[in-house]
Amino acid sequence: MPNARRTDPITSHEAASSVRQLTNTQRSIKWLFIKFYKTGLTDEQLVEHYRRLMHSGDAPMASESGIRTRRSEMTALGVVRDGQEFALTVSNRRAKVWRLA
């Protein structure tokens, strides 16, 4: 999984290389944020997509709360940021959208 796209500016590559050892779960989450960089992901969407990766054998086992915790850790590390927008959940509630930093 690439840390930055070839077409990204040098600052993105510098930031990607400064990120210290992410766990396997965090790397899988980062890959999902790269895949959905245009729309971002709510925690609910992140869990849904992560489960698909997990069931296909492309991500390590993780619980819903574990996935949200890893995303929170990645926010603290500066890998993921608040997208300053909201999306509706399946229960029609507003949820914060997260984006790759």
C-alpha atoms as a PDB file:
ATOM      1  CA  MET A   1       0.000   0.000   0.000  1.00  0.00           C
ATOM      2  CA  PRO A   2       1.567   3.301  -1.034  1.00  0.00           C
ATOM      3  CA  ASN A   3       1.931   6.104   1.490  1.00  0.00           C
ATOM      4  CA  ALA A   4       1.555   8.774  -1.188  1.00  0.00           C
ATOM      5  CA  ARG A   5       0.498   8.689  -4.822  1.00  0.00           C
ATOM      6  CA  ARG A   6       3.113   9.298  -7.514  1.00  0.00           C
ATOM      7  CA  THR A   7       1.225  12.423  -8.551  1.00  0.00           C
ATOM      8  CA  ASP A   8       1.143  13.907  -5.018  1.00  0.00           C
ATOM      9  CA  PRO A   9       3.293  16.958  -4.239  1.00  0.00           C
ATOM     10  CA  ILE A  10       6.607  16.502  -2.471  1.00  0.00           C
ATOM     11  CA  THR A  11       5.051  17.641   0.813  1.00  0.00           C
ATOM     12  CA  SER A  12       2.717  14.613   0.748  1.00  0.00           C
ATOM     13  CA  HIS A  13       5.658  12.284   0.198  1.00  0.00           C
ATOM     14  CA  GLU A  14       7.576  13.936   3.042  1.00  0.00           C
ATOM     15  CA  ALA A  15       4.576  13.610   5.354  1.00  0.00           C
ATOM     16  CA  ALA A  16       4.043   9.975   4.360  1.00  0.00           C
ATOM     17  CA  SER A  17       7.656   9.103   5.062  1.00  0.00           C
ATOM     18  CA  SER A  18       7.513  10.781   8.479  1.00  0.00           C
ATOM     19  CA  VAL A  19       4.732   8.483   9.703  1.00  0.00           C
ATOM     20  CA  ARG A  20       6.238   5.997  12.101  1.00  0.00           C
ATOM     21  CA  GLN A  21       5.455   2.300  11.914  1.00  0.00           C
ATOM     22  CA  LEU A  22       1.706   1.870  11.524  1.00  0.00           C
ATOM     23  CA  THR A  23       0.192  -1.401  12.692  1.00  0.00           C
ATOM     24  CA  ASN A  24      -1.202  -3.800  10.087  1.00  0.00           C
ATOM     25  CA  THR A  25      -4.731  -2.733  11.017  1.00  0.00           C
ATOM     26  CA  GLN A  26      -3.797   0.946  10.677  1.00  0.00           C
ATOM     27  CA  ARG A  27      -2.184   0.291   7.287  1.00  0.00           C
ATOM     28  CA  SER A  28      -5.400  -1.376   6.097  1.00  0.00           C
ATOM     29  CA  ILE A  29      -7.424   1.584   7.353  1.00  0.00           C
ATOM     30  CA  LYS A  30      -5.043   3.994   5.627  1.00  0.00           C
ATOM     31  CA  TRP A  31      -5.471   2.041   2.383  1.00  0.00           C
ATOM     32  CA  LEU A  32      -9.259   2.500   2.690  1.00  0.00           C
ATOM     33  CA  PHE A  33      -8.834   6.250   3.189  1.00  0.00           C
ATOM     34  CA  ILE A  34      -6.611   6.345   0.104  1.00  0.00           C
ATOM     35  CA  LYS A  35      -9.244   4.414  -1.848  1.00  0.00           C
ATOM     36  CA  PHE A  36     -12.024   6.765  -0.710  1.00  0.00           C
ATOM     37  CA  TYR A  37      -9.979   9.982  -0.676  1.00  0.00           C
ATOM     38  CA  LYS A  38     -12.565  11.885  -2.756  1.00  0.00           C
ATOM     39  CA  THR A  39     -15.510  11.208  -0.448  1.00  0.00           C
ATOM     40  CA  GLY A  40     -13.915  10.432   2.912  1.00  0.00           C
ATOM     41  CA  LEU A  41     -15.473   7.914   5.305  1.00  0.00           C
ATOM     42  CA  THR A  42     -17.621   8.001   8.400  1.00  0.00           C
ATOM     43  CA  ASP A  43     -16.696   5.514  11.114  1.00  0.00           C
ATOM     44  CA  GLU A  44     -19.735   3.460  10.077  1.00  0.00           C
ATOM     45  CA  GLN A  45     -18.545   3.346   6.446  1.00  0.00           C
ATOM     46  CA  LEU A  46     -14.989   2.625   7.556  1.00  0.00           C
ATOM     47  CA  VAL A  47     -16.153  -0.386   9.582  1.00  0.00           C
ATOM     48  CA  GLU A  48     -18.278  -1.649   6.677  1.00  0.00           C
ATOM     49  CA  HIS A  49     -15.430  -1.438   4.159  1.00  0.00           C
ATOM     50  CA  TYR A  50     -12.887  -2.804   6.631  1.00  0.00           C
ATOM     51  CA  ARG A  51     -15.067  -5.849   7.260  1.00  0.00           C
ATOM     52  CA  ARG A  52     -15.132  -6.550   3.518  1.00  0.00           C
ATOM     53  CA  LEU A  53     -11.324  -6.380   3.437  1.00  0.00           C
ATOM     54  CA  MET A  54     -11.149  -8.604   6.496  1.00  0.00           C
ATOM     55  CA  HIS A  55     -13.483 -11.239   5.046  1.00  0.00           C
ATOM     56  CA  SER A  56     -11.516 -11.321   1.795  1.00  0.00           C
ATOM     57  CA  GLY A  57      -8.333 -11.929   3.792  1.00  0.00           C
ATOM     58  CA  ASP A  58      -6.814  -8.543   2.939  1.00  0.00           C
ATOM     59  CA  ALA A  59      -6.928  -7.072   6.463  1.00  0.00           C
ATOM     60  CA  PRO A  60      -6.293  -8.469   9.943  1.00  0.00           C
ATOM     61  CA  MET A  61      -9.180  -9.303  12.274  1.00  0.00           C
ATOM     62  CA  ALA A  62     -10.494  -6.302  14.195  1.00  0.00           C
ATOM     63  CA  SER A  63     -13.665  -5.467  16.102  1.00  0.00           C
ATOM     64  CA  GLU A  64     -15.830  -2.438  15.301  1.00  0.00           C
ATOM     65  CA  SER A  65     -14.531  -0.621  18.365  1.00  0.00           C
ATOM     66  CA  GLY A  66     -10.969  -1.627  17.475  1.00  0.00           C
ATOM     67  CA  ILE A  67     -11.333  -0.159  13.988  1.00  0.00           C
ATOM     68  CA  ARG A  68     -12.691   3.106  15.429  1.00  0.00           C
ATOM     69  CA  THR A  69      -9.884   3.190  17.994  1.00  0.00           C
ATOM     70  CA  ARG A  70      -7.229   2.678  15.308  1.00  0.00           C
ATOM     71  CA  ARG A  71      -8.807   5.526  13.279  1.00  0.00           C
ATOM     72  CA  SER A  72      -8.690   7.728  16.378  1.00  0.00           C
ATOM     73  CA  GLU A  73      -5.010   6.871  16.904  1.00  0.00           C
ATOM     74  CA  MET A  74      -4.324   7.729  13.265  1.00  0.00           C
ATOM     75  CA  THR A  75      -6.072  11.070  13.773  1.00  0.00           C
ATOM     76  CA  ALA A  76      -3.774  11.786  16.721  1.00  0.00           C
ATOM     77  CA  LEU A  77      -0.779  10.831  14.542  1.00  0.00           C
ATOM     78  CA  GLY A  78      -1.928  13.231  11.822  1.00  0.00           C
ATOM     79  CA  VAL A  79      -2.572  10.501   9.238  1.00  0.00           C
ATOM     80  CA  VAL A  80      -6.350  11.058   9.246  1.00  0.00           C
ATOM     81  CA  ARG A  81      -8.146  14.367   9.767  1.00  0.00           C
ATOM     82  CA  ASP A  82     -11.632  15.691  10.420  1.00  0.00           C
ATOM     83  CA  GLY A  83     -13.141  16.380   6.995  1.00  0.00           C
ATOM     84  CA  GLN A  84     -15.219  19.264   8.422  1.00  0.00           C
ATOM     85  CA  GLU A  85     -18.413  17.735   7.034  1.00  0.00           C
ATOM     86  CA  PHE A  86     -21.099  15.244   7.965  1.00  0.00           C
ATOM     87  CA  ALA A  87     -22.870  12.353   6.239  1.00  0.00           C
ATOM     88  CA  LEU A  88     -25.970  10.426   7.248  1.00  0.00           C
ATOM     89  CA  THR A  89     -25.681   6.983   8.814  1.00  0.00           C
ATOM     90  CA  VAL A  90     -27.996   4.089   7.968  1.00  0.00           C
ATOM     91  CA  SER A  91     -30.116   5.157  10.946  1.00  0.00           C
ATOM     92  CA  ASN A  92     -30.389   8.646   9.414  1.00  0.00           C
ATOM     93  CA  ARG A  93     -28.113  10.370  11.946  1.00  0.00           C
ATOM     94  CA  ARG A  94     -25.306  12.760  11.191  1.00  0.00           C
ATOM     95  CA  ALA A  95     -21.781  11.369  11.467  1.00  0.00           C
ATOM     96  CA  LYS A  96     -18.429  13.080  11.032  1.00  0.00           C
ATOM     97  CA  VAL A  97     -16.601  12.376   7.775  1.00  0.00           C
ATOM     98  CA  TRP A  98     -12.909  11.560   8.154  1.00  0.00           C
ATOM     99  CA  ARG A  99     -10.287  12.063   5.435  1.00  0.00           C
ATOM    100  CA  LEU A 100      -6.678  11.232   4.785  1.00  0.00           C
ATOM    101  CA  ALA A 101      -4.531  14.103   6.042  1.00  0.00           C
END
